[in-house]
Amino acid sequence: MREEILSLKNQAIAQISAAKSTEDLEELRIVYLGRSGKLTELFKKIKTVPGEEKKLVGVLINEAKNALVSLLSEKKNSFKESAREWFDPTIPGIKPPQGHLHLVTKAIDEIAKTFAQIGFVRVRYPEVDWDWFAFEGLNMAKDHPARDVWETFFVEAPAHPRYGQMVYTPHTSSGQIREMQRVKEPPIRMINIAKCYRRQIDASHYPMFHQFEGLVIDKGISIVHLKGTLDYFARNFFGSQRKTRLRPYHFQFTEPSFEVDITCGICMGKGCKVCKEGWLELGGAGMVHPTVLKNGGVDPEKYTGFAFGLGVERTYMMKSGLSVPDIRLLYSSDLKILRQF
């Protein structure tokens, strides 16, 4: 039996050493060490060996098994090493795709940095606020027809005894009263960039959009300061050739009030198919209404101020060289669109 074990062991070693692939090794493992393998069959014959030789035969079979298992493992590893020989470790790896900031986020960062250069401090106020801050404190009574324009989202929640119902803020102007209450005593130079919500949706409107609100209150503030601030923003954000104009309008919370226009980025104010007359509407602005100043705790006899509210998405769509025909594309999940920016 001992000669049979040694012969089987030597035969297996020779075959394993000559193997050319891991598939060959797997076949040899099954032939010798499998459930019905040759070495396994020898274990079954131990019971036929005389008593004094059983122990010795068992030791020899275990030694043969361990030798074959070790040799199979070494041979398998040698195949792995040879498979790596082709690899050049100096070749750069394949980098995974890298994302980038959303276009709206880039716009917000650029707007905030532009106004920070002239001393505006960015603040943030609630996206869900009380009716009083969104409307009544801004000189819009409950039954005022101007409120119909905003198509407000109301929140199902108990009304506040003083501030009324809870709403999704329809404009960042709701932050004006809160900023006055926070500062208490001017000067104020605020830029508030936040989400707004209105029941409107088409190529140039979306139910949720971003707006940035500028508010300046101090002694002697006039329309000249408002126009200068808007021109500074236009030159720095849109380009040195762009200019703004103020067109008389009506907003309940400013007096006088204006629509803000900017020269077309295509014709630079000369008139073209896109703008017709050389100007594009940018947003609203005006001098803060005395009633709004009072509601914010500021003395209108002592201080004056101006405010403006512009849509982030709409403003960015007017940048020179950026062609976005539909505001809804900015919130698309289509990577073909998002990867362009």
Protein backbone atom coordinates (compact mmCIF):
# COMPACT_ATOMS: atom_id res chain seq x y z
CA MET A 1 0.00 0.00 0.00
CA ARG A 2 2.88 2.33 0.75
CA GLU A 3 4.31 1.83 -2.75
CA GLU A 4 0.87 2.56 -4.23
CA ILE A 5 0.62 5.83 -2.30
CA LEU A 6 4.09 7.02 -3.33
CA SER A 7 3.48 6.05 -6.96
CA LEU A 8 0.16 7.94 -7.02
CA LYS A 9 1.76 10.96 -5.40
CA ASN A 10 4.65 11.09 -7.89
CA GLN A 11 2.24 10.64 -10.81
CA ALA A 12 0.08 13.52 -9.61
CA ILE A 13 3.08 15.82 -9.04
CA ALA A 14 4.33 15.17 -12.58
CA GLN A 15 0.92 15.92 -14.11
CA ILE A 16 0.38 19.07 -12.03
CA SER A 17 3.85 20.36 -12.92
CA ALA A 18 3.10 19.85 -16.63
CA ALA A 19 -0.32 21.57 -16.51
CA LYS A 20 -0.75 24.48 -18.95
CA SER A 21 -3.82 26.24 -17.57
CA THR A 22 -6.04 26.67 -14.55
CA GLU A 23 -8.61 24.47 -16.31
CA ASP A 24 -6.04 21.63 -16.40
CA LEU A 25 -5.35 22.14 -12.70
CA GLU A 26 -9.05 21.96 -11.84
CA GLU A 27 -9.38 18.67 -13.74
CA LEU A 28 -6.37 17.20 -11.88
CA ARG A 29 -7.76 18.38 -8.55
CA ILE A 30 -10.97 16.47 -9.24
CA VAL A 31 -9.07 13.37 -10.46
CA TYR A 32 -6.93 13.12 -7.32
CA LEU A 33 -8.71 15.05 -4.56
CA GLY A 34 -12.36 15.05 -5.64
CA ARG A 35 -15.12 13.14 -3.89
CA SER A 36 -14.35 10.10 -6.05
CA GLY A 37 -10.68 10.96 -6.61
CA LYS A 38 -7.82 8.52 -6.53
CA LEU A 39 -6.42 9.76 -3.22
CA THR A 40 -9.91 9.71 -1.70
CA GLU A 41 -10.26 6.06 -2.73
CA LEU A 42 -7.02 5.25 -0.90
CA PHE A 43 -8.52 6.64 2.31
CA LYS A 44 -11.35 4.12 1.94
CA LYS A 45 -8.84 1.23 1.73
CA ILE A 46 -7.26 1.99 5.10
CA LYS A 47 -9.77 -0.33 6.82
CA THR A 48 -8.30 -3.28 4.86
CA VAL A 49 -4.76 -2.59 6.10
CA PRO A 50 -3.44 -4.67 9.05
CA GLY A 51 -3.82 -2.94 12.40
CA GLU A 52 -0.14 -2.14 12.99
CA GLU A 53 0.18 -0.42 9.55
CA LYS A 54 -3.07 1.65 9.58
CA LYS A 55 -1.48 4.61 11.33
CA LEU A 56 1.52 4.74 8.99
CA VAL A 57 -0.66 4.45 5.87
CA GLY A 58 -2.94 7.27 7.16
CA VAL A 59 0.05 9.55 7.71
CA LEU A 60 1.40 8.85 4.21
CA ILE A 61 -1.95 9.56 2.55
CA ASN A 62 -2.34 12.87 4.47
CA GLU A 63 1.18 13.90 3.52
CA ALA A 64 0.46 13.15 -0.14
CA LYS A 65 -2.80 15.11 0.01
CA ASN A 66 -1.15 18.15 1.61
CA ALA A 67 1.67 18.06 -0.95
CA LEU A 68 -0.78 18.00 -3.86
CA VAL A 69 -2.95 20.81 -2.40
CA SER A 70 0.15 23.00 -1.92
CA LEU A 71 1.46 22.24 -5.41
CA LEU A 72 -1.92 23.01 -7.01
CA SER A 73 -2.03 26.37 -5.24
CA GLU A 74 1.53 27.31 -6.26
CA LYS A 75 0.93 26.32 -9.85
CA LYS A 76 -2.32 28.33 -9.97
CA ASN A 77 -0.53 31.40 -8.60
CA SER A 78 2.19 31.02 -11.21
CA PHE A 79 -0.46 31.30 -13.92
CA LYS A 80 -1.74 34.53 -12.32
CA GLU A 81 1.76 36.00 -12.22
CA SER A 82 2.40 35.17 -15.87
CA ALA A 83 -0.96 36.75 -16.78
CA ARG A 84 0.22 40.02 -15.27
CA GLU A 85 3.42 40.19 -17.30
CA TRP A 86 1.69 42.11 -20.14
CA PHE A 87 0.55 44.90 -17.84
CA ASP A 88 2.41 48.23 -17.96
CA PRO A 89 1.98 49.89 -14.54
CA THR A 90 2.96 53.30 -16.01
CA ILE A 91 -0.19 53.46 -18.18
CA PRO A 92 -2.67 56.00 -16.67
CA GLY A 93 -5.84 54.44 -15.27
CA ILE A 94 -9.28 55.02 -16.71
CA LYS A 95 -10.82 57.81 -14.65
CA PRO A 96 -14.47 57.48 -13.65
CA PRO A 97 -16.88 60.16 -14.92
CA GLN A 98 -16.74 63.34 -12.83
CA GLY A 99 -19.83 65.42 -12.17
CA HIS A 100 -20.08 69.20 -11.93
CA LEU A 101 -22.21 71.84 -10.28
CA HIS A 102 -25.66 72.43 -11.71
CA LEU A 103 -26.04 75.48 -13.96
CA VAL A 104 -28.37 77.20 -11.46
CA THR A 105 -25.86 76.65 -8.63
CA LYS A 106 -23.13 78.21 -10.77
CA ALA A 107 -25.40 81.18 -11.48
CA ILE A 108 -26.16 81.69 -7.76
CA ASP A 109 -22.45 81.61 -6.87
CA GLU A 110 -21.62 84.11 -9.60
CA ILE A 111 -24.45 86.48 -8.61
CA ALA A 112 -23.49 86.34 -4.90
CA LYS A 113 -19.81 87.09 -5.68
CA THR A 114 -20.74 89.98 -7.99
CA PHE A 115 -22.76 91.77 -5.30
CA ALA A 116 -20.27 90.91 -2.55
CA GLN A 117 -17.73 93.10 -4.37
CA ILE A 118 -19.84 96.20 -3.62
CA GLY A 119 -20.60 95.32 -0.01
CA PHE A 120 -23.84 93.35 -0.24
CA VAL A 121 -24.19 90.70 2.48
CA ARG A 122 -25.94 87.48 1.50
CA VAL A 123 -28.75 86.42 3.84
CA ARG A 124 -31.25 83.56 3.83
CA TYR A 125 -34.83 83.50 5.02
CA PRO A 126 -37.57 80.82 5.17
CA GLU A 127 -38.96 79.31 1.98
CA VAL A 128 -42.18 78.65 3.90
CA ASP A 129 -43.32 81.81 5.68
CA TRP A 130 -46.37 83.56 7.08
CA ASP A 131 -48.75 85.50 4.84
CA TRP A 132 -47.90 88.76 6.62
CA PHE A 133 -44.23 88.66 5.60
CA ALA A 134 -45.07 87.62 2.02
CA PHE A 135 -47.98 90.03 1.45
CA GLU A 136 -49.48 92.21 4.16
CA GLY A 137 -46.20 93.51 5.52
CA LEU A 138 -45.33 94.42 1.92
CA ASN A 139 -48.40 96.66 1.63
CA MET A 140 -50.74 94.05 0.10
CA ALA A 141 -54.01 93.71 2.02
CA LYS A 142 -55.87 90.39 2.03
CA ASP A 143 -58.36 91.55 -0.61
CA HIS A 144 -55.88 93.49 -2.76
CA PRO A 145 -56.11 92.49 -6.47
CA ALA A 146 -52.31 92.54 -6.80
CA ARG A 147 -52.21 89.29 -4.82
CA ASP A 148 -53.99 87.44 -7.63
CA VAL A 149 -50.90 87.83 -9.81
CA TRP A 150 -48.78 85.64 -7.56
CA GLU A 151 -51.01 82.51 -7.69
CA THR A 152 -49.78 81.49 -4.23
CA PHE A 153 -49.32 77.97 -2.80
CA PHE A 154 -50.94 77.86 0.67
CA VAL A 155 -49.84 75.35 3.30
CA GLU A 156 -52.45 73.35 5.21
CA ALA A 157 -51.50 74.40 8.73
CA PRO A 158 -53.10 76.36 11.56
CA ALA A 159 -53.04 80.12 10.90
CA HIS A 160 -50.86 82.36 13.07
CA PRO A 161 -52.99 84.73 15.22
CA ARG A 162 -51.00 87.73 14.01
CA TYR A 163 -49.27 86.72 10.77
CA GLY A 164 -52.09 84.73 9.13
CA GLN A 165 -51.79 81.67 6.92
CA MET A 166 -48.61 79.83 6.04
CA VAL A 167 -47.47 80.02 2.39
CA TYR A 168 -44.65 78.95 0.11
CA THR A 169 -42.87 82.27 -0.45
CA PRO A 170 -43.94 83.64 -3.88
CA HIS A 171 -40.97 86.04 -3.96
CA THR A 172 -37.80 86.82 -2.02
CA SER A 173 -39.33 90.19 -1.07
CA SER A 174 -40.67 88.45 2.04
CA GLY A 175 -37.10 88.70 3.35
CA GLN A 176 -37.21 92.52 3.32
CA ILE A 177 -39.30 92.83 6.49
CA ARG A 178 -37.30 90.11 8.26
CA GLU A 179 -34.00 91.80 7.39
CA MET A 180 -35.22 95.16 8.73
CA GLN A 181 -36.37 93.48 11.93
CA ARG A 182 -33.05 91.68 12.27
CA VAL A 183 -30.83 94.72 11.72
CA LYS A 184 -33.20 97.11 13.56
CA GLU A 185 -31.21 100.20 12.56
CA PRO A 186 -29.91 100.85 8.99
CA PRO A 187 -27.65 100.84 7.02
CA ILE A 188 -28.80 97.66 5.26
CA ARG A 189 -27.19 96.20 2.15
CA MET A 190 -28.70 92.75 1.61
CA ILE A 191 -28.74 90.18 -1.17
CA ASN A 192 -31.20 87.33 -0.56
CA ILE A 193 -31.04 84.35 -2.97
CA ALA A 194 -33.71 81.71 -2.44
CA LYS A 195 -36.36 79.46 -3.96
CA CYS A 196 -39.79 80.90 -4.78
CA TYR A 197 -43.05 79.19 -5.68
CA ARG A 198 -45.89 80.30 -7.97
CA ARG A 199 -48.66 78.49 -9.82
CA GLN A 200 -47.20 79.22 -13.26
CA ILE A 201 -45.55 76.95 -15.84
CA ASP A 202 -44.57 77.56 -19.47
CA ALA A 203 -41.41 78.13 -21.52
CA SER A 204 -40.36 81.08 -19.34
CA HIS A 205 -41.96 80.13 -15.98
CA TYR A 206 -41.65 77.20 -13.58
CA PRO A 207 -43.62 76.51 -10.34
CA MET A 208 -40.36 76.55 -8.39
CA PHE A 209 -37.63 79.00 -9.36
CA HIS A 210 -34.80 80.96 -7.76
CA GLN A 211 -34.85 84.69 -7.21
CA PHE A 212 -32.33 87.16 -5.84
CA GLU A 213 -33.51 90.16 -3.86
CA GLY A 214 -31.40 93.25 -3.30
CA LEU A 215 -32.27 95.68 -0.53
CA VAL A 216 -30.41 98.87 0.38
CA ILE A 217 -31.65 101.22 3.13
CA ASP A 218 -29.75 104.22 4.45
CA LYS A 219 -29.94 108.00 4.68
CA GLY A 220 -30.18 109.73 1.29
CA ILE A 221 -30.66 106.64 -0.88
CA SER A 222 -32.19 107.56 -4.25
CA ILE A 223 -33.07 106.14 -7.67
CA VAL A 224 -29.58 107.12 -8.83
CA HIS A 225 -28.11 104.52 -6.46
CA LEU A 226 -30.56 101.90 -7.74
CA LYS A 227 -29.65 102.57 -11.38
CA GLY A 228 -25.93 102.55 -10.60
CA THR A 229 -26.19 99.22 -8.78
CA LEU A 230 -28.12 97.60 -11.64
CA ASP A 231 -25.66 98.92 -14.24
CA TYR A 232 -22.74 97.59 -12.20
CA PHE A 233 -24.38 94.17 -12.04
CA ALA A 234 -25.14 94.16 -15.78
CA ARG A 235 -21.57 95.04 -16.76
CA ASN A 236 -19.97 92.50 -14.44
CA PHE A 237 -22.43 89.64 -14.95
CA PHE A 238 -23.42 90.02 -18.62
CA GLY A 239 -20.47 91.91 -20.12
CA SER A 240 -19.03 95.40 -20.34
CA GLN A 241 -21.28 96.36 -23.29
CA ARG A 242 -24.59 95.60 -21.56
CA LYS A 243 -26.69 98.37 -19.98
CA THR A 244 -29.97 98.59 -18.06
CA ARG A 245 -32.97 100.92 -18.19
CA LEU A 246 -35.82 101.58 -15.78
CA ARG A 247 -39.35 101.55 -17.18
CA PRO A 248 -42.24 102.92 -15.02
CA TYR A 249 -44.44 100.17 -13.59
CA HIS A 250 -46.42 99.38 -10.44
CA PHE A 251 -45.49 97.16 -7.53
CA GLN A 252 -47.45 97.47 -4.30
CA PHE A 253 -44.33 97.41 -2.14
CA THR A 254 -42.26 100.07 -3.96
CA GLU A 255 -42.99 103.69 -4.92
CA PRO A 256 -41.96 104.66 -7.52
CA SER A 257 -41.71 101.23 -9.18
CA PHE A 258 -39.91 100.10 -12.33
CA GLU A 259 -39.48 97.18 -14.66
CA VAL A 260 -35.77 96.60 -15.28
CA ASP A 261 -34.69 95.99 -18.89
CA ILE A 262 -31.28 95.05 -20.22
CA THR A 263 -29.82 95.53 -23.68
CA CYS A 264 -30.08 92.44 -25.86
CA GLY A 265 -26.93 90.31 -25.83
CA ILE A 266 -27.26 89.61 -29.56
CA CYS A 267 -27.73 93.08 -31.05
CA MET A 268 -26.44 95.12 -28.06
CA GLY A 269 -29.52 97.35 -28.08
CA LYS A 270 -29.87 97.97 -31.83
CA GLY A 271 -32.91 95.74 -32.30
CA CYS A 272 -33.15 92.21 -33.74
CA LYS A 273 -35.57 89.32 -34.23
CA VAL A 274 -35.06 88.14 -30.65
CA CYS A 275 -35.60 91.41 -28.77
CA LYS A 276 -37.50 93.47 -31.41
CA GLU A 277 -36.48 96.85 -29.93
CA GLY A 278 -33.08 96.12 -28.43
CA TRP A 279 -34.20 95.48 -24.83
CA LEU A 280 -35.11 92.39 -22.78
CA GLU A 281 -37.12 92.41 -19.53
CA LEU A 282 -35.00 91.44 -16.54
CA GLY A 283 -37.12 91.96 -13.41
CA GLY A 284 -38.70 94.49 -11.07
CA ALA A 285 -37.32 97.23 -8.83
CA GLY A 286 -38.19 100.47 -7.09
CA MET A 287 -37.86 102.64 -4.02
CA VAL A 288 -39.08 100.88 -0.87
CA HIS A 289 -42.61 102.01 0.01
CA PRO A 290 -42.82 104.04 3.28
CA THR A 291 -45.45 101.60 4.61
CA VAL A 292 -43.03 98.69 4.12
CA LEU A 293 -40.32 100.62 5.98
CA LYS A 294 -42.73 101.22 8.87
CA ASN A 295 -43.74 97.55 8.98
CA GLY A 296 -40.06 96.65 9.20
CA GLY A 297 -39.52 99.05 12.09
CA VAL A 298 -37.60 101.67 10.06
CA ASP A 299 -38.44 105.38 10.18
CA PRO A 300 -39.39 106.50 6.60
CA GLU A 301 -38.83 110.14 7.58
CA LYS A 302 -35.19 109.36 8.32
CA TYR A 303 -34.31 106.61 5.88
CA THR A 304 -34.99 105.70 2.26
CA GLY A 305 -34.10 102.62 0.29
CA PHE A 306 -34.37 100.69 -2.94
CA ALA A 307 -35.10 97.05 -3.73
CA PHE A 308 -34.96 94.83 -6.78
CA GLY A 309 -36.01 91.24 -7.45
CA LEU A 310 -34.68 89.26 -10.42
CA GLY A 311 -35.10 85.60 -11.36
CA VAL A 312 -31.84 83.61 -11.27
CA GLU A 313 -32.82 81.29 -14.12
CA ARG A 314 -34.25 84.08 -16.29
CA THR A 315 -31.20 86.26 -15.66
CA TYR A 316 -28.77 83.48 -16.55
CA MET A 317 -30.71 82.64 -19.72
CA MET A 318 -29.91 86.19 -20.94
CA LYS A 319 -26.14 85.70 -20.68
CA SER A 320 -24.28 86.23 -23.94
CA GLY A 321 -23.37 82.96 -25.65
CA LEU A 322 -25.79 80.86 -23.58
CA SER A 323 -28.73 79.56 -25.59
CA VAL A 324 -31.48 78.10 -23.37
CA PRO A 325 -34.84 78.39 -25.19
CA ASP A 326 -36.99 76.89 -22.42
CA ILE A 327 -36.51 77.44 -18.66
CA ARG A 328 -37.82 73.92 -18.00
CA LEU A 329 -34.68 72.46 -19.58
CA LEU A 330 -32.68 73.70 -16.58
CA TYR A 331 -34.51 71.17 -14.39
CA SER A 332 -34.40 68.30 -16.86
CA SER A 333 -32.86 65.00 -15.76
CA ASP A 334 -31.61 64.36 -19.30
CA LEU A 335 -27.81 64.03 -19.11
CA LYS A 336 -27.48 65.13 -22.75
CA ILE A 337 -28.70 68.55 -21.61
CA LEU A 338 -26.97 68.76 -18.24
CA ARG A 339 -23.56 67.75 -19.61
CA GLN A 340 -23.53 70.82 -21.86
CA PHE A 341 -23.02 73.04 -18.84
